[in-house]
Amino acid sequence: MKVDQEYSVQKVARMLRLFERLLEGTPLQKGAVAQEFGVSAKTVQRDIEDLRDYFAEYRQGASFLLAYDRAQRGYILQREASEWLAADEIMGITKILLESRAFPKDELDRLLEKLSILCRPEDRKHIKEAVNNERFLYRPVNHNRPLFQTLWELTFAVRERRLVELLYRKIGVMDEINRRVEPLGIMFSEYYFYLIAHLHNGGKEYPAVYRLDRIRDYVVTNEHFRVEDTKRFQAGEFRQKVQFMQMGKLMKVEFKYWGASIEAVADRLPNASIVEQDGSYVVKAEVFGRGIKMWLLSQAQYVEVVKPEEFRQEMMQTIEQMREIYGKK
């Protein structure tokens, strides 16, 4: 009986290892497998038949086929091309991840390795070679904090509408603050992930924004909060109104633009109304104040704020302060 149990454990371990290799795209060569595990070629053949039956019976929706490949002299796992991520799709995702600089290097490397397994084995080498230099020179943002677990647990809190207790450090402030919040969504913008949340019983009309890497500690409680359907957070709409994840007062702004690329304005303000007028463009949008101010100032002499008057005066004051700085000797 003990011998049978040992044999069963060895077989399971061997089958799992063969299964992993097939998913990795490694061909199974009977002779090499038999020598590695100290079994006969007939035993390996039975393992392969068991795996073939498994893929045929339990993986029907994925259209897997365990077949012999003469060129590689071994058994490989085949599936329809539409069920792999295409090489160009993997390349696009990889480039976005590298450009984001959002993840510590060890987290990014693990993610990119897993992504490469999702494409056809013959494409993996080409993808790795194409991004090898960028991976080597990759520099994450300075916080270098692991994010995946925090992202997942806070996303769970959003989905389940669980109250979250935060220990948070604001920019430029050494002291940490405690917040009890109602999480509404997780968003990414300009290198960083953010938690969008209302203060519990805070009474504010608009949510607050918390950068994930500045959350020093958090607890997802078992307490739930309620949100009326008419007030449910709409991430897509919110993104159209906020710039650089800077909040401020929600307002309707109008400005003139005569820069080189009105397309860039439309991309930055996707909810904007844009009308060409007398050699320039009149742009109207509903946005949060601090973020739009930062963006408008980045457009240099190619914009003029028209409305609201209060915001126009604020822009003029800021520009005057900048002029005074440059006028100092």
C-alpha atoms as a PDB file:
ATOM      1  CA  MET A   1       0.000   0.000   0.000  1.00  0.00           C
ATOM      2  CA  LYS A   2       2.819   2.414   0.902  1.00  0.00           C
ATOM      3  CA  VAL A   3       4.540   1.652  -2.412  1.00  0.00           C
ATOM      4  CA  ASP A   4       1.330   2.445  -4.307  1.00  0.00           C
ATOM      5  CA  GLN A   5       1.011   5.778  -2.467  1.00  0.00           C
ATOM      6  CA  GLU A   6       4.617   6.729  -3.244  1.00  0.00           C
ATOM      7  CA  TYR A   7       4.089   5.783  -6.891  1.00  0.00           C
ATOM      8  CA  SER A   8       0.918   7.917  -6.996  1.00  0.00           C
ATOM      9  CA  VAL A   9       2.699  10.943  -5.489  1.00  0.00           C
ATOM     10  CA  GLN A  10       5.589  10.595  -7.934  1.00  0.00           C
ATOM     11  CA  LYS A  11       3.201  10.323 -10.874  1.00  0.00           C
ATOM     12  CA  VAL A  12       1.234  13.404  -9.817  1.00  0.00           C
ATOM     13  CA  ALA A  13       4.431  15.432  -9.372  1.00  0.00           C
ATOM     14  CA  ARG A  14       5.727  14.269 -12.750  1.00  0.00           C
ATOM     15  CA  MET A  15       2.426  15.050 -14.503  1.00  0.00           C
ATOM     16  CA  LEU A  16       2.291  18.540 -13.003  1.00  0.00           C
ATOM     17  CA  ARG A  17       5.839  19.245 -14.160  1.00  0.00           C
ATOM     18  CA  LEU A  18       5.018  18.044 -17.688  1.00  0.00           C
ATOM     19  CA  PHE A  19       1.867  20.159 -17.641  1.00  0.00           C
ATOM     20  CA  GLU A  20       3.897  23.261 -16.694  1.00  0.00           C
ATOM     21  CA  ARG A  21       6.347  22.639 -19.506  1.00  0.00           C
ATOM     22  CA  LEU A  22       3.585  22.339 -22.054  1.00  0.00           C
ATOM     23  CA  LEU A  23       2.091  25.663 -20.927  1.00  0.00           C
ATOM     24  CA  GLU A  24       5.557  27.228 -21.195  1.00  0.00           C
ATOM     25  CA  GLY A  25       5.840  25.970 -24.782  1.00  0.00           C
ATOM     26  CA  THR A  26       8.581  23.430 -24.032  1.00  0.00           C
ATOM     27  CA  PRO A  27       8.306  20.279 -26.198  1.00  0.00           C
ATOM     28  CA  LEU A  28       8.122  16.935 -24.374  1.00  0.00           C
ATOM     29  CA  GLN A  29      10.678  14.526 -25.791  1.00  0.00           C
ATOM     30  CA  LYS A  30       9.949  11.044 -24.509  1.00  0.00           C
ATOM     31  CA  GLY A  31      13.537   9.877 -24.184  1.00  0.00           C
ATOM     32  CA  ALA A  32      14.681  12.973 -22.312  1.00  0.00           C
ATOM     33  CA  VAL A  33      11.651  12.909 -19.997  1.00  0.00           C
ATOM     34  CA  ALA A  34      12.125   9.208 -19.230  1.00  0.00           C
ATOM     35  CA  GLN A  35      15.786   9.758 -18.364  1.00  0.00           C
ATOM     36  CA  GLU A  36      15.069  12.809 -16.212  1.00  0.00           C
ATOM     37  CA  PHE A  37      12.397  11.129 -14.089  1.00  0.00           C
ATOM     38  CA  GLY A  38      13.865   7.632 -14.094  1.00  0.00           C
ATOM     39  CA  VAL A  39      10.899   5.946 -15.766  1.00  0.00           C
ATOM     40  CA  SER A  40      10.401   3.966 -18.954  1.00  0.00           C
ATOM     41  CA  ALA A  41       9.433   5.424 -22.313  1.00  0.00           C
ATOM     42  CA  LYS A  42       6.127   3.515 -22.052  1.00  0.00           C
ATOM     43  CA  THR A  43       5.390   5.309 -18.756  1.00  0.00           C
ATOM     44  CA  VAL A  44       6.044   8.667 -20.392  1.00  0.00           C
ATOM     45  CA  GLN A  45       3.766   7.709 -23.275  1.00  0.00           C
ATOM     46  CA  ARG A  46       0.992   6.866 -20.794  1.00  0.00           C
ATOM     47  CA  ASP A  47       1.527  10.259 -19.119  1.00  0.00           C
ATOM     48  CA  ILE A  48       1.207  11.978 -22.474  1.00  0.00           C
ATOM     49  CA  GLU A  49      -1.994  10.074 -23.263  1.00  0.00           C
ATOM     50  CA  ASP A  50      -3.423  11.048 -19.860  1.00  0.00           C
ATOM     51  CA  LEU A  51      -2.588  14.682 -20.550  1.00  0.00           C
ATOM     52  CA  ARG A  52      -4.132  14.459 -24.010  1.00  0.00           C
ATOM     53  CA  ASP A  53      -7.343  13.060 -22.495  1.00  0.00           C
ATOM     54  CA  TYR A  54      -7.342  15.853 -19.914  1.00  0.00           C
ATOM     55  CA  PHE A  55      -7.076  18.597 -22.523  1.00  0.00           C
ATOM     56  CA  ALA A  56      -9.740  16.937 -24.678  1.00  0.00           C
ATOM     57  CA  GLU A  57     -12.216  16.389 -21.833  1.00  0.00           C
ATOM     58  CA  TYR A  58     -11.739  19.243 -19.385  1.00  0.00           C
ATOM     59  CA  ARG A  59     -10.350  22.079 -21.509  1.00  0.00           C
ATOM     60  CA  GLN A  60     -12.908  21.935 -24.321  1.00  0.00           C
ATOM     61  CA  GLY A  61     -13.631  25.658 -24.393  1.00  0.00           C
ATOM     62  CA  ALA A  62      -9.950  26.496 -24.897  1.00  0.00           C
ATOM     63  CA  SER A  63      -9.451  24.244 -27.972  1.00  0.00           C
ATOM     64  CA  PHE A  64      -6.179  22.710 -26.768  1.00  0.00           C
ATOM     65  CA  LEU A  65      -4.531  19.891 -28.682  1.00  0.00           C
ATOM     66  CA  LEU A  66      -1.530  17.868 -27.525  1.00  0.00           C
ATOM     67  CA  ALA A  67       0.257  16.866 -30.733  1.00  0.00           C
ATOM     68  CA  TYR A  68       3.626  15.591 -31.903  1.00  0.00           C
ATOM     69  CA  ASP A  69       5.829  18.157 -33.652  1.00  0.00           C
ATOM     70  CA  ARG A  70       8.379  16.550 -35.955  1.00  0.00           C
ATOM     71  CA  ALA A  71      10.547  19.663 -36.213  1.00  0.00           C
ATOM     72  CA  GLN A  72      10.992  19.806 -32.424  1.00  0.00           C
ATOM     73  CA  ARG A  73      10.931  16.013 -32.020  1.00  0.00           C
ATOM     74  CA  GLY A  74       8.518  16.212 -29.159  1.00  0.00           C
ATOM     75  CA  TYR A  75       4.933  16.756 -28.053  1.00  0.00           C
ATOM     76  CA  ILE A  76       3.716  20.349 -27.858  1.00  0.00           C
ATOM     77  CA  LEU A  77       0.504  22.043 -26.784  1.00  0.00           C
ATOM     78  CA  GLN A  78      -1.321  23.597 -29.686  1.00  0.00           C
ATOM     79  CA  ARG A  79      -4.270  25.949 -29.529  1.00  0.00           C
ATOM     80  CA  GLU A  80      -6.094  28.130 -32.001  1.00  0.00           C
ATOM     81  CA  ALA A  81      -4.226  31.311 -32.878  1.00  0.00           C
ATOM     82  CA  SER A  82      -7.179  33.431 -31.716  1.00  0.00           C
ATOM     83  CA  GLU A  83      -6.755  32.104 -28.179  1.00  0.00           C
ATOM     84  CA  TRP A  84      -3.175  33.320 -27.806  1.00  0.00           C
ATOM     85  CA  LEU A  85      -2.351  36.945 -27.269  1.00  0.00           C
ATOM     86  CA  ALA A  86      -0.778  38.048 -30.544  1.00  0.00           C
ATOM     87  CA  ALA A  87       2.850  39.172 -30.538  1.00  0.00           C
ATOM     88  CA  ASP A  88       1.880  42.732 -31.477  1.00  0.00           C
ATOM     89  CA  GLU A  89      -0.672  42.820 -28.642  1.00  0.00           C
ATOM     90  CA  ILE A  90       1.930  41.647 -26.114  1.00  0.00           C
ATOM     91  CA  MET A  91       4.359  44.226 -27.492  1.00  0.00           C
ATOM     92  CA  GLY A  92       1.807  47.025 -27.072  1.00  0.00           C
ATOM     93  CA  ILE A  93       0.999  46.049 -23.478  1.00  0.00           C
ATOM     94  CA  THR A  94       4.701  45.697 -22.645  1.00  0.00           C
ATOM     95  CA  LYS A  95       5.533  49.146 -24.031  1.00  0.00           C
ATOM     96  CA  ILE A  96       2.734  50.747 -22.007  1.00  0.00           C
ATOM     97  CA  LEU A  97       3.904  49.047 -18.804  1.00  0.00           C
ATOM     98  CA  LEU A  98       7.506  50.122 -19.353  1.00  0.00           C
ATOM     99  CA  GLU A  99       6.517  53.694 -20.177  1.00  0.00           C
ATOM    100  CA  SER A 100       4.234  53.956 -17.135  1.00  0.00           C
ATOM    101  CA  ARG A 101       7.186  53.431 -14.717  1.00  0.00           C
ATOM    102  CA  ALA A 102       4.493  52.611 -12.168  1.00  0.00           C
ATOM    103  CA  PHE A 103       5.823  49.331 -10.782  1.00  0.00           C
ATOM    104  CA  PRO A 104       9.019  48.390  -8.928  1.00  0.00           C
ATOM    105  CA  LYS A 105      11.398  46.530 -11.225  1.00  0.00           C
ATOM    106  CA  ASP A 106      10.911  43.136  -9.584  1.00  0.00           C
ATOM    107  CA  GLU A 107       7.121  43.374  -9.928  1.00  0.00           C
ATOM    108  CA  LEU A 108       7.406  44.531 -13.528  1.00  0.00           C
ATOM    109  CA  ASP A 109       9.832  41.730 -14.462  1.00  0.00           C
ATOM    110  CA  ARG A 110       7.496  39.086 -13.052  1.00  0.00           C
ATOM    111  CA  LEU A 111       4.551  40.593 -14.899  1.00  0.00           C
ATOM    112  CA  LEU A 112       6.367  40.767 -18.245  1.00  0.00           C
ATOM    113  CA  GLU A 113       7.529  37.146 -17.915  1.00  0.00           C
ATOM    114  CA  LYS A 114       3.935  36.039 -17.323  1.00  0.00           C
ATOM    115  CA  LEU A 115       2.737  38.100 -20.258  1.00  0.00           C
ATOM    116  CA  SER A 116       5.265  36.503 -22.591  1.00  0.00           C
ATOM    117  CA  ILE A 117       3.915  33.036 -21.741  1.00  0.00           C
ATOM    118  CA  LEU A 118       0.516  34.099 -23.104  1.00  0.00           C
ATOM    119  CA  CYS A 119       1.788  34.423 -26.675  1.00  0.00           C
ATOM    120  CA  ARG A 120       2.954  31.695 -29.047  1.00  0.00           C
ATOM    121  CA  PRO A 121       6.271  30.122 -28.031  1.00  0.00           C
ATOM    122  CA  GLU A 122       7.894  31.067 -31.344  1.00  0.00           C
ATOM    123  CA  ASP A 123       7.144  34.778 -30.681  1.00  0.00           C
ATOM    124  CA  ARG A 124       8.514  34.962 -27.131  1.00  0.00           C
ATOM    125  CA  LYS A 125      12.166  35.248 -28.080  1.00  0.00           C
ATOM    126  CA  HIS A 126      11.487  38.087 -30.526  1.00  0.00           C
ATOM    127  CA  ILE A 127       9.479  40.048 -27.943  1.00  0.00           C
ATOM    128  CA  LYS A 128      12.155  39.652 -25.268  1.00  0.00           C
ATOM    129  CA  GLU A 129      14.869  40.786 -27.664  1.00  0.00           C
ATOM    130  CA  ALA A 130      12.798  43.802 -28.757  1.00  0.00           C
ATOM    131  CA  VAL A 131      12.365  45.148 -25.208  1.00  0.00           C
ATOM    132  CA  ASN A 132      15.537  43.810 -23.591  1.00  0.00           C
ATOM    133  CA  ASN A 133      17.317  47.177 -23.552  1.00  0.00           C
ATOM    134  CA  GLU A 134      14.296  49.026 -22.148  1.00  0.00           C
ATOM    135  CA  ARG A 135      13.916  46.438 -19.390  1.00  0.00           C
ATOM    136  CA  PHE A 136      17.586  46.720 -18.502  1.00  0.00           C
ATOM    137  CA  LEU A 137      17.429  50.529 -18.287  1.00  0.00           C
ATOM    138  CA  TYR A 138      13.986  50.639 -16.654  1.00  0.00           C
ATOM    139  CA  ARG A 139      13.759  53.111 -13.796  1.00  0.00           C
ATOM    140  CA  PRO A 140      10.579  53.078 -11.708  1.00  0.00           C
ATOM    141  CA  VAL A 141       9.229  56.142  -9.943  1.00  0.00           C
ATOM    142  CA  ASN A 142      10.995  56.957  -6.692  1.00  0.00           C
ATOM    143  CA  HIS A 143       8.614  55.431  -4.166  1.00  0.00           C
ATOM    144  CA  ASN A 144       9.563  51.881  -5.289  1.00  0.00           C
ATOM    145  CA  ARG A 145       6.738  50.381  -3.205  1.00  0.00           C
ATOM    146  CA  PRO A 146       5.017  47.098  -4.148  1.00  0.00           C
ATOM    147  CA  LEU A 147       1.529  47.799  -5.436  1.00  0.00           C
ATOM    148  CA  PHE A 148      -0.206  44.666  -6.692  1.00  0.00           C
ATOM    149  CA  GLN A 149      -1.577  43.485  -3.337  1.00  0.00           C
ATOM    150  CA  THR A 150      -2.742  46.981  -2.390  1.00  0.00           C
ATOM    151  CA  LEU A 151      -4.417  47.392  -5.782  1.00  0.00           C
ATOM    152  CA  TRP A 152      -6.237  44.095  -5.417  1.00  0.00           C
ATOM    153  CA  GLU A 153      -7.400  44.554  -1.827  1.00  0.00           C
ATOM    154  CA  LEU A 154      -8.633  48.104  -2.386  1.00  0.00           C
ATOM    155  CA  THR A 155     -10.378  47.034  -5.590  1.00  0.00           C
ATOM    156  CA  PHE A 156     -12.142  44.394  -3.486  1.00  0.00           C
ATOM    157  CA  ALA A 157     -13.185  47.118  -1.043  1.00  0.00           C
ATOM    158  CA  VAL A 158     -14.581  49.178  -3.947  1.00  0.00           C
ATOM    159  CA  ARG A 159     -16.540  46.240  -5.341  1.00  0.00           C
ATOM    160  CA  GLU A 160     -17.929  45.158  -1.956  1.00  0.00           C
ATOM    161  CA  ARG A 161     -18.503  48.748  -0.777  1.00  0.00           C
ATOM    162  CA  ARG A 162     -16.447  48.208   2.365  1.00  0.00           C
ATOM    163  CA  LEU A 163     -15.279  51.100   4.527  1.00  0.00           C
ATOM    164  CA  VAL A 164     -11.483  51.489   4.572  1.00  0.00           C
ATOM    165  CA  GLU A 165      -9.326  52.983   7.309  1.00  0.00           C
ATOM    166  CA  LEU A 166      -6.233  54.719   5.938  1.00  0.00           C
ATOM    167  CA  LEU A 167      -2.987  55.941   7.414  1.00  0.00           C
ATOM    168  CA  TYR A 168      -1.907  58.501   4.826  1.00  0.00           C
ATOM    169  CA  ARG A 169       1.005  60.894   4.275  1.00  0.00           C
ATOM    170  CA  LYS A 170       0.304  64.012   2.232  1.00  0.00           C
ATOM    171  CA  ILE A 171       2.867  65.516  -0.121  1.00  0.00           C
ATOM    172  CA  GLY A 172       5.239  67.818   1.740  1.00  0.00           C
ATOM    173  CA  VAL A 173       3.933  66.769   5.162  1.00  0.00           C
ATOM    174  CA  MET A 174       5.851  64.431   7.465  1.00  0.00           C
ATOM    175  CA  ASP A 175       2.950  63.731   9.830  1.00  0.00           C
ATOM    176  CA  GLU A 176       0.580  60.931   8.891  1.00  0.00           C
ATOM    177  CA  ILE A 177      -3.173  61.374   9.016  1.00  0.00           C
ATOM    178  CA  ASN A 178      -5.975  58.885   9.670  1.00  0.00           C
ATOM    179  CA  ARG A 179      -8.929  58.743   7.340  1.00  0.00           C
ATOM    180  CA  ARG A 180     -12.045  56.584   7.275  1.00  0.00           C
ATOM    181  CA  VAL A 181     -13.233  56.501   3.682  1.00  0.00           C
ATOM    182  CA  GLU A 182     -15.803  55.091   1.294  1.00  0.00           C
ATOM    183  CA  PRO A 183     -13.750  53.789  -1.657  1.00  0.00           C
ATOM    184  CA  LEU A 184     -15.271  54.555  -5.048  1.00  0.00           C
ATOM    185  CA  GLY A 185     -12.622  53.505  -7.587  1.00  0.00           C
ATOM    186  CA  ILE A 186      -8.976  52.962  -8.466  1.00  0.00           C
ATOM    187  CA  MET A 187      -7.432  55.020 -11.268  1.00  0.00           C
ATOM    188  CA  PHE A 188      -4.031  55.499 -12.905  1.00  0.00           C
ATOM    189  CA  SER A 189      -2.620  58.809 -14.108  1.00  0.00           C
ATOM    190  CA  GLU A 190       0.889  60.110 -14.870  1.00  0.00           C
ATOM    191  CA  TYR A 191       2.992  57.394 -13.196  1.00  0.00           C
ATOM    192  CA  TYR A 192       0.796  56.803 -10.139  1.00  0.00           C
ATOM    193  CA  PHE A 193      -2.239  54.819  -8.977  1.00  0.00           C
ATOM    194  CA  TYR A 194      -4.922  56.621  -6.993  1.00  0.00           C
ATOM    195  CA  LEU A 195      -7.774  55.662  -4.707  1.00  0.00           C
ATOM    196  CA  ILE A 196     -10.849  57.831  -5.275  1.00  0.00           C
ATOM    197  CA  ALA A 197     -12.936  57.955  -2.102  1.00  0.00           C
ATOM    198  CA  HIS A 198     -15.419  59.966  -0.068  1.00  0.00           C
ATOM    199  CA  LEU A 199     -14.654  60.715   3.553  1.00  0.00           C
ATOM    200  CA  HIS A 200     -17.084  58.666   5.638  1.00  0.00           C
ATOM    201  CA  ASN A 201     -19.743  61.050   6.969  1.00  0.00           C
ATOM    202  CA  GLY A 202     -17.653  63.869   5.527  1.00  0.00           C
ATOM    203  CA  GLY A 203     -20.459  65.604   3.672  1.00  0.00           C
ATOM    204  CA  LYS A 204     -18.236  66.718   0.775  1.00  0.00           C
ATOM    205  CA  GLU A 205     -19.791  67.073  -2.667  1.00  0.00           C
ATOM    206  CA  TYR A 206     -16.730  65.734  -4.496  1.00  0.00           C
ATOM    207  CA  PRO A 207     -14.468  62.793  -3.657  1.00  0.00           C
ATOM    208  CA  ALA A 208     -10.890  62.994  -2.388  1.00  0.00           C
ATOM    209  CA  VAL A 209      -7.875  61.506  -4.177  1.00  0.00           C
ATOM    210  CA  TYR A 210      -5.275  59.372  -2.383  1.00  0.00           C
ATOM    211  CA  ARG A 211      -2.064  58.257  -4.080  1.00  0.00           C
ATOM    212  CA  LEU A 212      -1.598  54.574  -3.368  1.00  0.00           C
ATOM    213  CA  ASP A 213       2.123  54.730  -2.637  1.00  0.00           C
ATOM    214  CA  ARG A 214       1.443  57.377   0.038  1.00  0.00           C
ATOM    215  CA  ILE A 215      -0.934  55.081   1.916  1.00  0.00           C
ATOM    216  CA  ARG A 216       1.285  53.864   4.763  1.00  0.00           C
ATOM    217  CA  ASP A 217      -1.242  51.377   6.105  1.00  0.00           C
ATOM    218  CA  TYR A 218      -4.868  50.450   5.544  1.00  0.00           C
ATOM    219  CA  VAL A 219      -7.572  48.142   6.861  1.00  0.00           C
ATOM    220  CA  VAL A 220     -10.503  46.954   4.769  1.00  0.00           C
ATOM    221  CA  THR A 221     -13.237  46.730   7.395  1.00  0.00           C
ATOM    222  CA  ASN A 222     -16.309  44.507   7.452  1.00  0.00           C
ATOM    223  CA  GLU A 223     -18.570  47.560   7.511  1.00  0.00           C
ATOM    224  CA  HIS A 224     -20.453  48.440   4.345  1.00  0.00           C
ATOM    225  CA  PHE A 225     -21.566  51.805   3.022  1.00  0.00           C
ATOM    226  CA  ARG A 226     -24.455  52.633   0.734  1.00  0.00           C
ATOM    227  CA  VAL A 227     -24.422  54.588  -2.507  1.00  0.00           C
ATOM    228  CA  GLU A 228     -27.571  55.685  -4.299  1.00  0.00           C
ATOM    229  CA  ASP A 229     -27.709  54.541  -7.918  1.00  0.00           C
ATOM    230  CA  THR A 230     -28.050  58.140  -9.088  1.00  0.00           C
ATOM    231  CA  LYS A 231     -24.824  59.060  -7.233  1.00  0.00           C
ATOM    232  CA  ARG A 232     -22.754  56.044  -8.240  1.00  0.00           C
ATOM    233  CA  PHE A 233     -19.165  56.927  -9.110  1.00  0.00           C
ATOM    234  CA  GLN A 234     -18.507  56.956 -12.873  1.00  0.00           C
ATOM    235  CA  ALA A 235     -14.769  56.496 -13.444  1.00  0.00           C
ATOM    236  CA  GLY A 236     -14.938  57.374 -17.137  1.00  0.00           C
ATOM    237  CA  GLU A 237     -16.789  60.623 -16.529  1.00  0.00           C
ATOM    238  CA  PHE A 238     -14.505  61.523 -13.625  1.00  0.00           C
ATOM    239  CA  ARG A 239     -11.394  60.998 -15.763  1.00  0.00           C
ATOM    240  CA  GLN A 240     -12.699  63.405 -18.393  1.00  0.00           C
ATOM    241  CA  LYS A 241     -12.994  66.184 -15.814  1.00  0.00           C
ATOM    242  CA  VAL A 242      -9.815  65.810 -13.773  1.00  0.00           C
ATOM    243  CA  GLN A 243      -6.263  66.669 -14.857  1.00  0.00           C
ATOM    244  CA  PHE A 244      -3.146  65.325 -13.123  1.00  0.00           C
ATOM    245  CA  MET A 245      -5.459  63.931 -10.404  1.00  0.00           C
ATOM    246  CA  GLN A 246      -5.754  67.440  -8.966  1.00  0.00           C
ATOM    247  CA  MET A 247      -9.212  68.211  -7.654  1.00  0.00           C
ATOM    248  CA  GLY A 248     -10.327  71.719  -6.726  1.00  0.00           C
ATOM    249  CA  LYS A 249     -13.665  73.265  -7.600  1.00  0.00           C
ATOM    250  CA  LEU A 250     -15.710  71.772 -10.426  1.00  0.00           C
ATOM    251  CA  MET A 251     -16.359  74.504 -12.973  1.00  0.00           C
ATOM    252  CA  LYS A 252     -17.202  75.209 -16.587  1.00  0.00           C
ATOM    253  CA  VAL A 253     -14.180  76.751 -18.269  1.00  0.00           C
ATOM    254  CA  GLU A 254     -13.843  78.447 -21.654  1.00  0.00           C
ATOM    255  CA  PHE A 255     -10.531  79.292 -23.279  1.00  0.00           C
ATOM    256  CA  LYS A 256      -9.032  80.161 -26.643  1.00  0.00           C
ATOM    257  CA  TYR A 257      -6.323  77.986 -28.134  1.00  0.00           C
ATOM    258  CA  TRP A 258      -4.065  78.676 -31.114  1.00  0.00           C
ATOM    259  CA  GLY A 259      -1.322  76.113 -30.619  1.00  0.00           C
ATOM    260  CA  ALA A 260      -0.056  73.549 -33.115  1.00  0.00           C
ATOM    261  CA  SER A 261      -2.213  70.569 -32.117  1.00  0.00           C
ATOM    262  CA  ILE A 262      -5.890  70.902 -31.284  1.00  0.00           C
ATOM    263  CA  GLU A 263      -5.914  67.090 -31.262  1.00  0.00           C
ATOM    264  CA  ALA A 264      -3.796  67.158 -28.102  1.00  0.00           C
ATOM    265  CA  VAL A 265      -6.394  69.398 -26.461  1.00  0.00           C
ATOM    266  CA  ALA A 266      -9.200  67.041 -27.477  1.00  0.00           C
ATOM    267  CA  ASP A 267      -7.241  64.091 -26.084  1.00  0.00           C
ATOM    268  CA  ARG A 268      -6.609  65.893 -22.790  1.00  0.00           C
ATOM    269  CA  LEU A 269     -10.247  67.103 -22.501  1.00  0.00           C
ATOM    270  CA  PRO A 270     -12.375  64.409 -24.166  1.00  0.00           C
ATOM    271  CA  ASN A 271     -15.661  65.959 -22.960  1.00  0.00           C
ATOM    272  CA  ALA A 272     -14.826  69.394 -24.420  1.00  0.00           C
ATOM    273  CA  SER A 273     -16.744  71.322 -27.032  1.00  0.00           C
ATOM    274  CA  ILE A 274     -14.301  72.721 -29.626  1.00  0.00           C
ATOM    275  CA  VAL A 275     -15.246  75.316 -32.245  1.00  0.00           C
ATOM    276  CA  GLU A 276     -12.868  76.892 -34.760  1.00  0.00           C
ATOM    277  CA  GLN A 277     -13.162  80.690 -34.770  1.00  0.00           C
ATOM    278  CA  ASP A 278     -11.073  83.435 -36.402  1.00  0.00           C
ATOM    279  CA  GLY A 279      -7.888  81.412 -36.727  1.00  0.00           C
ATOM    280  CA  SER A 280      -8.058  79.906 -33.230  1.00  0.00           C
ATOM    281  CA  TYR A 281     -10.224  77.436 -31.331  1.00  0.00           C
ATOM    282  CA  VAL A 282     -12.751  78.121 -28.598  1.00  0.00           C
ATOM    283  CA  VAL A 283     -12.759  75.282 -26.108  1.00  0.00           C
ATOM    284  CA  LYS A 284     -15.456  74.724 -23.468  1.00  0.00           C
ATOM    285  CA  ALA A 285     -15.285  71.964 -20.839  1.00  0.00           C
ATOM    286  CA  GLU A 286     -16.420  71.056 -17.331  1.00  0.00           C
ATOM    287  CA  VAL A 287     -13.352  70.337 -15.224  1.00  0.00           C
ATOM    288  CA  PHE A 288     -11.840  70.438 -11.740  1.00  0.00           C
ATOM    289  CA  GLY A 289      -9.952  73.698 -11.135  1.00  0.00           C
ATOM    290  CA  ARG A 290      -6.441  72.894  -9.870  1.00  0.00           C
ATOM    291  CA  GLY A 291      -5.664  70.295 -12.530  1.00  0.00           C
ATOM    292  CA  ILE A 292      -6.898  72.350 -15.486  1.00  0.00           C
ATOM    293  CA  LYS A 293      -4.907  75.328 -14.234  1.00  0.00           C
ATOM    294  CA  MET A 294      -1.692  73.279 -14.243  1.00  0.00           C
ATOM    295  CA  TRP A 295      -2.386  72.068 -17.766  1.00  0.00           C
ATOM    296  CA  LEU A 296      -3.314  75.496 -19.150  1.00  0.00           C
ATOM    297  CA  LEU A 297      -0.110  77.008 -17.752  1.00  0.00           C
ATOM    298  CA  SER A 298       1.856  74.262 -19.522  1.00  0.00           C
ATOM    299  CA  GLN A 299       0.507  75.548 -22.861  1.00  0.00           C
ATOM    300  CA  ALA A 300       2.541  78.774 -22.548  1.00  0.00           C
ATOM    301  CA  GLN A 301       1.449  81.631 -24.804  1.00  0.00           C
ATOM    302  CA  TYR A 302      -0.950  79.518 -26.850  1.00  0.00           C
ATOM    303  CA  VAL A 303      -4.004  79.797 -24.573  1.00  0.00           C
ATOM    304  CA  GLU A 304      -6.174  82.528 -23.082  1.00  0.00           C
ATOM    305  CA  VAL A 305      -8.782  81.810 -20.417  1.00  0.00           C
ATOM    306  CA  VAL A 306     -12.061  83.570 -21.195  1.00  0.00           C
ATOM    307  CA  LYS A 307     -14.469  82.254 -18.535  1.00  0.00           C
ATOM    308  CA  PRO A 308     -15.203  82.191 -15.685  1.00  0.00           C
ATOM    309  CA  GLU A 309     -13.916  85.643 -14.825  1.00  0.00           C
ATOM    310  CA  GLU A 310     -12.755  84.540 -11.362  1.00  0.00           C
ATOM    311  CA  PHE A 311     -10.589  81.828 -12.919  1.00  0.00           C
ATOM    312  CA  ARG A 312      -9.292  84.223 -15.574  1.00  0.00           C
ATOM    313  CA  GLN A 313      -8.144  86.603 -12.808  1.00  0.00           C
ATOM    314  CA  GLU A 314      -6.501  83.720 -10.948  1.00  0.00           C
ATOM    315  CA  MET A 315      -4.560  82.771 -14.092  1.00  0.00           C
ATOM    316  CA  MET A 316      -3.457  86.386 -14.577  1.00  0.00           C
ATOM    317  CA  GLN A 317      -2.216  86.586 -10.975  1.00  0.00           C
ATOM    318  CA  THR A 318      -0.226  83.380 -11.347  1.00  0.00           C
ATOM    319  CA  ILE A 319       1.328  84.554 -14.625  1.00  0.00           C
ATOM    320  CA  GLU A 320       2.251  87.867 -12.992  1.00  0.00           C
ATOM    321  CA  GLN A 321       3.926  86.015 -10.133  1.00  0.00           C
ATOM    322  CA  MET A 322       5.906  83.994 -12.675  1.00  0.00           C
ATOM    323  CA  ARG A 323       6.920  87.189 -14.490  1.00  0.00           C
ATOM    324  CA  GLU A 324       8.168  88.675 -11.213  1.00  0.00           C
ATOM    325  CA  ILE A 325      10.306  85.592 -10.572  1.00  0.00           C
ATOM    326  CA  TYR A 326      11.955  85.883 -13.990  1.00  0.00           C
ATOM    327  CA  GLY A 327      12.354  89.626 -13.532  1.00  0.00           C
ATOM    328  CA  LYS A 328      14.508  89.262 -10.421  1.00  0.00           C
ATOM    329  CA  LYS A 329      18.211  89.980 -10.791  1.00  0.00           C
END
